[in-house]
Amino acid sequence: MTLNFPNRSRSYDAAARRIRFVGHDGMFEVPFFVAIAALSSASPTTSEAEAVYLSAFDAERSSIQDVAREAYSHGRKNMYVLTHADFR
């Protein structure tokens, strides 16, 4: 099967400082996280952080999904955390 991203939802986890999104491989749901440091060098105020980070994710969604597919192709895990190093 191929990893797809039919659901465009994503959420911000302030405690872990990352964005969560989900891929699907057939009937299997595959959780992904993108570290905030991999998305943006911006330092928004606390009150605007979620909107800024989600907007940064949306702007780079296609390349983030490409990186997620690449990470997934190297072996299946329970979850994937994409960091700045994955985007080089």
PDB file of N, CA and C in Angstrom:
ATOM      1  N   MET A   1       0.830  -1.193   0.000  1.00  0.00           N
ATOM      2  CA  MET A   1       0.000   0.000   0.000  1.00  0.00           C
ATOM      3  C   MET A   1       0.874   1.258   0.000  1.00  0.00           C
ATOM      4  N   THR A   2       0.231   2.348  -0.303  1.00  0.00           N
ATOM      5  CA  THR A   2       0.904   3.633  -0.359  1.00  0.00           C
ATOM      6  C   THR A   2       0.400   4.525   0.765  1.00  0.00           C
ATOM      7  N   LEU A   3       1.273   5.315   1.308  1.00  0.00           N
ATOM      8  CA  LEU A   3       0.891   6.254   2.354  1.00  0.00           C
ATOM      9  C   LEU A   3       0.185   7.446   1.729  1.00  0.00           C
ATOM     10  N   ASN A   4      -1.016   7.725   2.209  1.00  0.00           N
ATOM     11  CA  ASN A   4      -1.814   8.852   1.727  1.00  0.00           C
ATOM     12  C   ASN A   4      -2.219   9.738   2.892  1.00  0.00           C
ATOM     13  N   PHE A   5      -2.645  10.934   2.567  1.00  0.00           N
ATOM     14  CA  PHE A   5      -3.067  11.907   3.575  1.00  0.00           C
ATOM     15  C   PHE A   5      -4.438  12.470   3.198  1.00  0.00           C
ATOM     16  N   PRO A   6      -5.484  11.631   3.284  1.00  0.00           N
ATOM     17  CA  PRO A   6      -6.810  12.089   2.867  1.00  0.00           C
ATOM     18  C   PRO A   6      -7.448  13.088   3.835  1.00  0.00           C
ATOM     19  N   ASN A   7      -7.023  13.085   5.074  1.00  0.00           N
ATOM     20  CA  ASN A   7      -7.579  13.979   6.084  1.00  0.00           C
ATOM     21  C   ASN A   7      -6.628  15.151   6.281  1.00  0.00           C
ATOM     22  N   ARG A   8      -7.091  16.354   6.016  1.00  0.00           N
ATOM     23  CA  ARG A   8      -6.229  17.532   6.089  1.00  0.00           C
ATOM     24  C   ARG A   8      -6.112  18.103   7.500  1.00  0.00           C
ATOM     25  N   SER A   9      -6.710  17.446   8.473  1.00  0.00           N
ATOM     26  CA  SER A   9      -6.658  17.982   9.830  1.00  0.00           C
ATOM     27  C   SER A   9      -5.251  17.864  10.403  1.00  0.00           C
ATOM     28  N   ARG A  10      -4.958  18.760  11.292  1.00  0.00           N
ATOM     29  CA  ARG A  10      -3.683  18.784  12.009  1.00  0.00           C
ATOM     30  C   ARG A  10      -3.944  19.517  13.303  1.00  0.00           C
ATOM     31  N   SER A  11      -3.100  19.295  14.289  1.00  0.00           N
ATOM     32  CA  SER A  11      -3.293  19.965  15.578  1.00  0.00           C
ATOM     33  C   SER A  11      -1.938  20.311  16.175  1.00  0.00           C
ATOM     34  N   TYR A  12      -1.961  21.322  17.017  1.00  0.00           N
ATOM     35  CA  TYR A  12      -0.742  21.800  17.663  1.00  0.00           C
ATOM     36  C   TYR A  12      -0.679  21.247  19.075  1.00  0.00           C
ATOM     37  N   ASP A  13       0.427  20.627  19.428  1.00  0.00           N
ATOM     38  CA  ASP A  13       0.682  20.126  20.775  1.00  0.00           C
ATOM     39  C   ASP A  13       1.679  21.087  21.422  1.00  0.00           C
ATOM     40  N   ALA A  14       1.148  22.005  22.221  1.00  0.00           N
ATOM     41  CA  ALA A  14       1.985  23.046  22.833  1.00  0.00           C
ATOM     42  C   ALA A  14       3.015  22.454  23.791  1.00  0.00           C
ATOM     43  N   ALA A  15       2.638  21.432  24.545  1.00  0.00           N
ATOM     44  CA  ALA A  15       3.554  20.843  25.522  1.00  0.00           C
ATOM     45  C   ALA A  15       4.767  20.207  24.848  1.00  0.00           C
ATOM     46  N   ALA A  16       4.544  19.528  23.736  1.00  0.00           N
ATOM     47  CA  ALA A  16       5.639  18.858  23.029  1.00  0.00           C
ATOM     48  C   ALA A  16       6.239  19.725  21.928  1.00  0.00           C
ATOM     49  N   ARG A  17       5.629  20.878  21.668  1.00  0.00           N
ATOM     50  CA  ARG A  17       6.070  21.813  20.632  1.00  0.00           C
ATOM     51  C   ARG A  17       6.187  21.133  19.269  1.00  0.00           C
ATOM     52  N   ARG A  18       5.040  20.578  18.841  1.00  0.00           N
ATOM     53  CA  ARG A  18       5.004  19.917  17.548  1.00  0.00           C
ATOM     54  C   ARG A  18       3.576  19.910  17.003  1.00  0.00           C
ATOM     55  N   ILE A  19       3.494  19.679  15.693  1.00  0.00           N
ATOM     56  CA  ILE A  19       2.219  19.587  14.995  1.00  0.00           C
ATOM     57  C   ILE A  19       1.949  18.108  14.712  1.00  0.00           C
ATOM     58  N   ARG A  20       0.742  17.676  15.002  1.00  0.00           N
ATOM     59  CA  ARG A  20       0.334  16.291  14.746  1.00  0.00           C
ATOM     60  C   ARG A  20      -0.523  16.242  13.486  1.00  0.00           C
ATOM     61  N   PHE A  21      -0.250  15.240  12.647  1.00  0.00           N
ATOM     62  CA  PHE A  21      -1.097  14.960  11.489  1.00  0.00           C
ATOM     63  C   PHE A  21      -1.071  13.458  11.254  1.00  0.00           C
ATOM     64  N   VAL A  22      -1.981  12.970  10.432  1.00  0.00           N
ATOM     65  CA  VAL A  22      -2.145  11.532  10.280  1.00  0.00           C
ATOM     66  C   VAL A  22      -2.092  11.140   8.813  1.00  0.00           C
ATOM     67  N   GLY A  23      -1.390  10.059   8.544  1.00  0.00           N
ATOM     68  CA  GLY A  23      -1.378   9.445   7.228  1.00  0.00           C
ATOM     69  C   GLY A  23      -2.127   8.129   7.297  1.00  0.00           C
ATOM     70  N   HIS A  24      -2.439   7.578   6.139  1.00  0.00           N
ATOM     71  CA  HIS A  24      -3.131   6.293   6.076  1.00  0.00           C
ATOM     72  C   HIS A  24      -2.442   5.388   5.068  1.00  0.00           C
ATOM     73  N   ASP A  25      -2.209   4.174   5.507  1.00  0.00           N
ATOM     74  CA  ASP A  25      -1.689   3.124   4.638  1.00  0.00           C
ATOM     75  C   ASP A  25      -2.760   2.047   4.610  1.00  0.00           C
ATOM     76  N   GLY A  26      -3.593   2.106   3.593  1.00  0.00           N
ATOM     77  CA  GLY A  26      -4.740   1.205   3.564  1.00  0.00           C
ATOM     78  C   GLY A  26      -5.649   1.535   4.734  1.00  0.00           C
ATOM     79  N   MET A  27      -5.939   0.548   5.554  1.00  0.00           N
ATOM     80  CA  MET A  27      -6.813   0.781   6.703  1.00  0.00           C
ATOM     81  C   MET A  27      -6.042   1.199   7.956  1.00  0.00           C
ATOM     82  N   PHE A  28      -4.729   1.286   7.863  1.00  0.00           N
ATOM     83  CA  PHE A  28      -3.913   1.631   9.027  1.00  0.00           C
ATOM     84  C   PHE A  28      -3.685   3.134   9.117  1.00  0.00           C
ATOM     85  N   GLU A  29      -3.902   3.666  10.298  1.00  0.00           N
ATOM     86  CA  GLU A  29      -3.640   5.079  10.568  1.00  0.00           C
ATOM     87  C   GLU A  29      -2.205   5.212  11.067  1.00  0.00           C
ATOM     88  N   VAL A  30      -1.473   6.161  10.505  1.00  0.00           N
ATOM     89  CA  VAL A  30      -0.059   6.348  10.847  1.00  0.00           C
ATOM     90  C   VAL A  30       0.118   7.764  11.394  1.00  0.00           C
ATOM     91  N   PRO A  31       0.396   7.898  12.706  1.00  0.00           N
ATOM     92  CA  PRO A  31       0.562   9.236  13.279  1.00  0.00           C
ATOM     93  C   PRO A  31       1.943   9.827  12.990  1.00  0.00           C
ATOM     94  N   PHE A  32       1.935  11.097  12.638  1.00  0.00           N
ATOM     95  CA  PHE A  32       3.158  11.851  12.385  1.00  0.00           C
ATOM     96  C   PHE A  32       3.149  13.111  13.236  1.00  0.00           C
ATOM     97  N   PHE A  33       4.332  13.553  13.590  1.00  0.00           N
ATOM     98  CA  PHE A  33       4.520  14.807  14.302  1.00  0.00           C
ATOM     99  C   PHE A  33       5.642  15.565  13.620  1.00  0.00           C
ATOM    100  N   VAL A  34       5.496  16.874  13.515  1.00  0.00           N
ATOM    101  CA  VAL A  34       6.558  17.727  12.992  1.00  0.00           C
ATOM    102  C   VAL A  34       6.991  18.656  14.110  1.00  0.00           C
ATOM    103  N   ALA A  35       8.252  18.608  14.452  1.00  0.00           N
ATOM    104  CA  ALA A  35       8.785  19.503  15.481  1.00  0.00           C
ATOM    105  C   ALA A  35       8.665  20.946  15.005  1.00  0.00           C
ATOM    106  N   ILE A  36       8.260  21.822  15.897  1.00  0.00           N
ATOM    107  CA  ILE A  36       8.096  23.241  15.557  1.00  0.00           C
ATOM    108  C   ILE A  36       9.394  23.817  15.006  1.00  0.00           C
ATOM    109  N   ALA A  37      10.514  23.405  15.536  1.00  0.00           N
ATOM    110  CA  ALA A  37      11.810  23.913  15.065  1.00  0.00           C
ATOM    111  C   ALA A  37      12.041  23.592  13.590  1.00  0.00           C
ATOM    112  N   ALA A  38      11.410  22.545  13.082  1.00  0.00           N
ATOM    113  CA  ALA A  38      11.554  22.185  11.673  1.00  0.00           C
ATOM    114  C   ALA A  38      10.675  23.045  10.772  1.00  0.00           C
ATOM    115  N   LEU A  39       9.684  23.699  11.354  1.00  0.00           N
ATOM    116  CA  LEU A  39       8.727  24.492  10.578  1.00  0.00           C
ATOM    117  C   LEU A  39       9.088  25.957  10.470  1.00  0.00           C
ATOM    118  N   SER A  40       9.510  26.528  11.575  1.00  0.00           N
ATOM    119  CA  SER A  40       9.607  27.977  11.610  1.00  0.00           C
ATOM    120  C   SER A  40      10.666  28.443  12.590  1.00  0.00           C
ATOM    121  N   SER A  41      11.281  29.534  12.254  1.00  0.00           N
ATOM    122  CA  SER A  41      12.212  30.166  13.188  1.00  0.00           C
ATOM    123  C   SER A  41      11.524  31.325  13.903  1.00  0.00           C
ATOM    124  N   ALA A  42      10.242  31.519  13.612  1.00  0.00           N
ATOM    125  CA  ALA A  42       9.481  32.595  14.239  1.00  0.00           C
ATOM    126  C   ALA A  42       9.294  32.332  15.727  1.00  0.00           C
ATOM    127  N   SER A  43       9.198  33.382  16.483  1.00  0.00           N
ATOM    128  CA  SER A  43       8.947  33.293  17.915  1.00  0.00           C
ATOM    129  C   SER A  43       7.701  34.092  18.245  1.00  0.00           C
ATOM    130  N   PRO A  44       6.529  33.554  17.912  1.00  0.00           N
ATOM    131  CA  PRO A  44       5.292  34.296  18.170  1.00  0.00           C
ATOM    132  C   PRO A  44       5.009  34.377  19.660  1.00  0.00           C
ATOM    133  N   THR A  45       4.169  35.303  20.030  1.00  0.00           N
ATOM    134  CA  THR A  45       3.745  35.366  21.422  1.00  0.00           C
ATOM    135  C   THR A  45       2.927  34.119  21.721  1.00  0.00           C
ATOM    136  N   THR A  46       2.810  33.796  22.977  1.00  0.00           N
ATOM    137  CA  THR A  46       2.094  32.595  23.382  1.00  0.00           C
ATOM    138  C   THR A  46       0.666  32.575  22.852  1.00  0.00           C
ATOM    139  N   SER A  47       0.014  33.706  22.866  1.00  0.00           N
ATOM    140  CA  SER A  47      -1.381  33.754  22.449  1.00  0.00           C
ATOM    141  C   SER A  47      -1.574  33.508  20.951  1.00  0.00           C
ATOM    142  N   GLU A  48      -0.561  33.757  20.159  1.00  0.00           N
ATOM    143  CA  GLU A  48      -0.695  33.559  18.710  1.00  0.00           C
ATOM    144  C   GLU A  48       0.085  32.356  18.192  1.00  0.00           C
ATOM    145  N   ALA A  49       0.775  31.641  19.057  1.00  0.00           N
ATOM    146  CA  ALA A  49       1.650  30.552  18.633  1.00  0.00           C
ATOM    147  C   ALA A  49       0.927  29.486  17.822  1.00  0.00           C
ATOM    148  N   GLU A  50      -0.214  29.011  18.296  1.00  0.00           N
ATOM    149  CA  GLU A  50      -0.910  27.943  17.593  1.00  0.00           C
ATOM    150  C   GLU A  50      -1.253  28.346  16.165  1.00  0.00           C
ATOM    151  N   ALA A  51      -1.812  29.515  15.985  1.00  0.00           N
ATOM    152  CA  ALA A  51      -2.197  29.978  14.645  1.00  0.00           C
ATOM    153  C   ALA A  51      -0.978  30.125  13.742  1.00  0.00           C
ATOM    154  N   VAL A  52       0.107  30.655  14.265  1.00  0.00           N
ATOM    155  CA  VAL A  52       1.330  30.842  13.469  1.00  0.00           C
ATOM    156  C   VAL A  52       1.902  29.497  13.039  1.00  0.00           C
ATOM    157  N   TYR A  53       1.984  28.547  13.953  1.00  0.00           N
ATOM    158  CA  TYR A  53       2.569  27.246  13.635  1.00  0.00           C
ATOM    159  C   TYR A  53       1.676  26.436  12.687  1.00  0.00           C
ATOM    160  N   LEU A  54       0.373  26.482  12.884  1.00  0.00           N
ATOM    161  CA  LEU A  54      -0.525  25.764  11.979  1.00  0.00           C
ATOM    162  C   LEU A  54      -0.481  26.368  10.578  1.00  0.00           C
ATOM    163  N   SER A  55      -0.359  27.672  10.509  1.00  0.00           N
ATOM    164  CA  SER A  55      -0.240  28.348   9.216  1.00  0.00           C
ATOM    165  C   SER A  55       1.064  27.938   8.515  1.00  0.00           C
ATOM    166  N   ALA A  56       2.151  27.852   9.276  1.00  0.00           N
ATOM    167  CA  ALA A  56       3.434  27.418   8.708  1.00  0.00           C
ATOM    168  C   ALA A  56       3.330  25.980   8.198  1.00  0.00           C
ATOM    169  N   PHE A  57       2.642  25.141   8.947  1.00  0.00           N
ATOM    170  CA  PHE A  57       2.428  23.758   8.503  1.00  0.00           C
ATOM    171  C   PHE A  57       1.640  23.740   7.193  1.00  0.00           C
ATOM    172  N   ASP A  58       0.559  24.496   7.147  1.00  0.00           N
ATOM    173  CA  ASP A  58      -0.284  24.530   5.950  1.00  0.00           C
ATOM    174  C   ASP A  58       0.486  25.010   4.720  1.00  0.00           C
ATOM    175  N   ALA A  59       1.346  25.988   4.917  1.00  0.00           N
ATOM    176  CA  ALA A  59       2.121  26.537   3.809  1.00  0.00           C
ATOM    177  C   ALA A  59       3.109  25.511   3.246  1.00  0.00           C
ATOM    178  N   GLU A  60       3.565  24.604   4.073  1.00  0.00           N
ATOM    179  CA  GLU A  60       4.567  23.611   3.659  1.00  0.00           C
ATOM    180  C   GLU A  60       4.008  22.192   3.622  1.00  0.00           C
ATOM    181  N   ARG A  61       2.687  22.062   3.646  1.00  0.00           N
ATOM    182  CA  ARG A  61       2.042  20.745   3.754  1.00  0.00           C
ATOM    183  C   ARG A  61       2.568  19.743   2.722  1.00  0.00           C
ATOM    184  N   SER A  62       2.681  20.127   1.485  1.00  0.00           N
ATOM    185  CA  SER A  62       3.113  19.208   0.434  1.00  0.00           C
ATOM    186  C   SER A  62       4.514  18.655   0.705  1.00  0.00           C
ATOM    187  N   SER A  63       5.447  19.527   1.043  1.00  0.00           N
ATOM    188  CA  SER A  63       6.812  19.048   1.300  1.00  0.00           C
ATOM    189  C   SER A  63       6.876  18.251   2.608  1.00  0.00           C
ATOM    190  N   ILE A  64       6.070  18.614   3.589  1.00  0.00           N
ATOM    191  CA  ILE A  64       6.026  17.854   4.844  1.00  0.00           C
ATOM    192  C   ILE A  64       5.516  16.442   4.575  1.00  0.00           C
ATOM    193  N   GLN A  65       4.491  16.332   3.757  1.00  0.00           N
ATOM    194  CA  GLN A  65       3.963  15.007   3.422  1.00  0.00           C
ATOM    195  C   GLN A  65       4.971  14.197   2.619  1.00  0.00           C
ATOM    196  N   ASP A  66       5.733  14.835   1.764  1.00  0.00           N
ATOM    197  CA  ASP A  66       6.792  14.136   1.027  1.00  0.00           C
ATOM    198  C   ASP A  66       7.845  13.584   1.984  1.00  0.00           C
ATOM    199  N   VAL A  67       8.229  14.385   2.961  1.00  0.00           N
ATOM    200  CA  VAL A  67       9.212  13.944   3.958  1.00  0.00           C
ATOM    201  C   VAL A  67       8.624  12.815   4.796  1.00  0.00           C
ATOM    202  N   ALA A  68       7.355  12.913   5.125  1.00  0.00           N
ATOM    203  CA  ALA A  68       6.687  11.849   5.890  1.00  0.00           C
ATOM    204  C   ALA A  68       6.679  10.541   5.099  1.00  0.00           C
ATOM    205  N   ARG A  69       6.385  10.614   3.825  1.00  0.00           N
ATOM    206  CA  ARG A  69       6.406   9.410   2.975  1.00  0.00           C
ATOM    207  C   ARG A  69       7.802   8.785   2.952  1.00  0.00           C
ATOM    208  N   GLU A  70       8.811   9.640   2.849  1.00  0.00           N
ATOM    209  CA  GLU A  70      10.190   9.151   2.834  1.00  0.00           C
ATOM    210  C   GLU A  70      10.530   8.458   4.159  1.00  0.00           C
ATOM    211  N   ALA A  71      10.175   9.071   5.265  1.00  0.00           N
ATOM    212  CA  ALA A  71      10.436   8.464   6.577  1.00  0.00           C
ATOM    213  C   ALA A  71       9.705   7.131   6.706  1.00  0.00           C
ATOM    214  N   TYR A  72       8.479   7.092   6.250  1.00  0.00           N
ATOM    215  CA  TYR A  72       7.660   5.876   6.325  1.00  0.00           C
ATOM    216  C   TYR A  72       8.239   4.759   5.462  1.00  0.00           C
ATOM    217  N   SER A  73       8.860   5.117   4.363  1.00  0.00           N
ATOM    218  CA  SER A  73       9.413   4.112   3.452  1.00  0.00           C
ATOM    219  C   SER A  73      10.611   3.377   4.034  1.00  0.00           C
ATOM    220  N   HIS A  74      11.208   3.922   5.097  1.00  0.00           N
ATOM    221  CA  HIS A  74      12.393   3.299   5.710  1.00  0.00           C
ATOM    222  C   HIS A  74      12.040   2.277   6.771  1.00  0.00           C
ATOM    223  N   GLY A  75      10.788   2.069   7.004  1.00  0.00           N
ATOM    224  CA  GLY A  75      10.373   1.076   7.996  1.00  0.00           C
ATOM    225  C   GLY A  75       9.191   1.585   8.793  1.00  0.00           C
ATOM    226  N   ARG A  76       8.353   0.692   9.176  1.00  0.00           N
ATOM    227  CA  ARG A  76       7.126   1.064   9.878  1.00  0.00           C
ATOM    228  C   ARG A  76       7.364   1.173  11.374  1.00  0.00           C
ATOM    229  N   LYS A  77       6.826   2.232  11.932  1.00  0.00           N
ATOM    230  CA  LYS A  77       6.925   2.515  13.367  1.00  0.00           C
ATOM    231  C   LYS A  77       5.537   2.828  13.897  1.00  0.00           C
ATOM    232  N   ASN A  78       5.419   2.916  15.210  1.00  0.00           N
ATOM    233  CA  ASN A  78       4.149   3.287  15.837  1.00  0.00           C
ATOM    234  C   ASN A  78       3.801   4.741  15.591  1.00  0.00           C
ATOM    235  N   MET A  79       4.823   5.581  15.471  1.00  0.00           N
ATOM    236  CA  MET A  79       4.652   6.998  15.179  1.00  0.00           C
ATOM    237  C   MET A  79       5.969   7.542  14.638  1.00  0.00           C
ATOM    238  N   TYR A  80       5.876   8.684  13.983  1.00  0.00           N
ATOM    239  CA  TYR A  80       7.054   9.310  13.376  1.00  0.00           C
ATOM    240  C   TYR A  80       7.129  10.746  13.845  1.00  0.00           C
ATOM    241  N   VAL A  81       8.311  11.165  14.272  1.00  0.00           N
ATOM    242  CA  VAL A  81       8.557  12.557  14.634  1.00  0.00           C
ATOM    243  C   VAL A  81       9.564  13.107  13.633  1.00  0.00           C
ATOM    244  N   LEU A  82       9.109  14.059  12.843  1.00  0.00           N
ATOM    245  CA  LEU A  82       9.967  14.676  11.829  1.00  0.00           C
ATOM    246  C   LEU A  82      10.656  15.889  12.437  1.00  0.00           C
ATOM    247  N   THR A  83      11.967  15.947  12.290  1.00  0.00           N
ATOM    248  CA  THR A  83      12.746  17.050  12.840  1.00  0.00           C
ATOM    249  C   THR A  83      13.410  17.827  11.702  1.00  0.00           C
ATOM    250  N   HIS A  84      14.099  18.864  12.065  1.00  0.00           N
ATOM    251  CA  HIS A  84      14.805  19.694  11.094  1.00  0.00           C
ATOM    252  C   HIS A  84      15.725  18.833  10.201  1.00  0.00           C
ATOM    253  N   ALA A  85      16.372  17.853  10.756  1.00  0.00           N
ATOM    254  CA  ALA A  85      17.287  16.990   9.998  1.00  0.00           C
ATOM    255  C   ALA A  85      16.583  16.226   8.879  1.00  0.00           C
ATOM    256  N   ASP A  86      15.312  15.917   9.052  1.00  0.00           N
ATOM    257  CA  ASP A  86      14.563  15.191   8.013  1.00  0.00           C
ATOM    258  C   ASP A  86      14.285  16.044   6.780  1.00  0.00           C
ATOM    259  N   PHE A  87      14.367  17.345   6.907  1.00  0.00           N
ATOM    260  CA  PHE A  87      14.031  18.259   5.815  1.00  0.00           C
ATOM    261  C   PHE A  87      15.241  18.744   5.033  1.00  0.00           C
ATOM    262  N   ARG A  88      16.400  18.172   5.266  1.00  0.00           N
ATOM    263  CA  ARG A  88      17.620  18.574   4.565  1.00  0.00           C
ATOM    264  C   ARG A  88      17.785  17.851   3.284  1.00  0.00           C
TER     265      ARG A  88
END
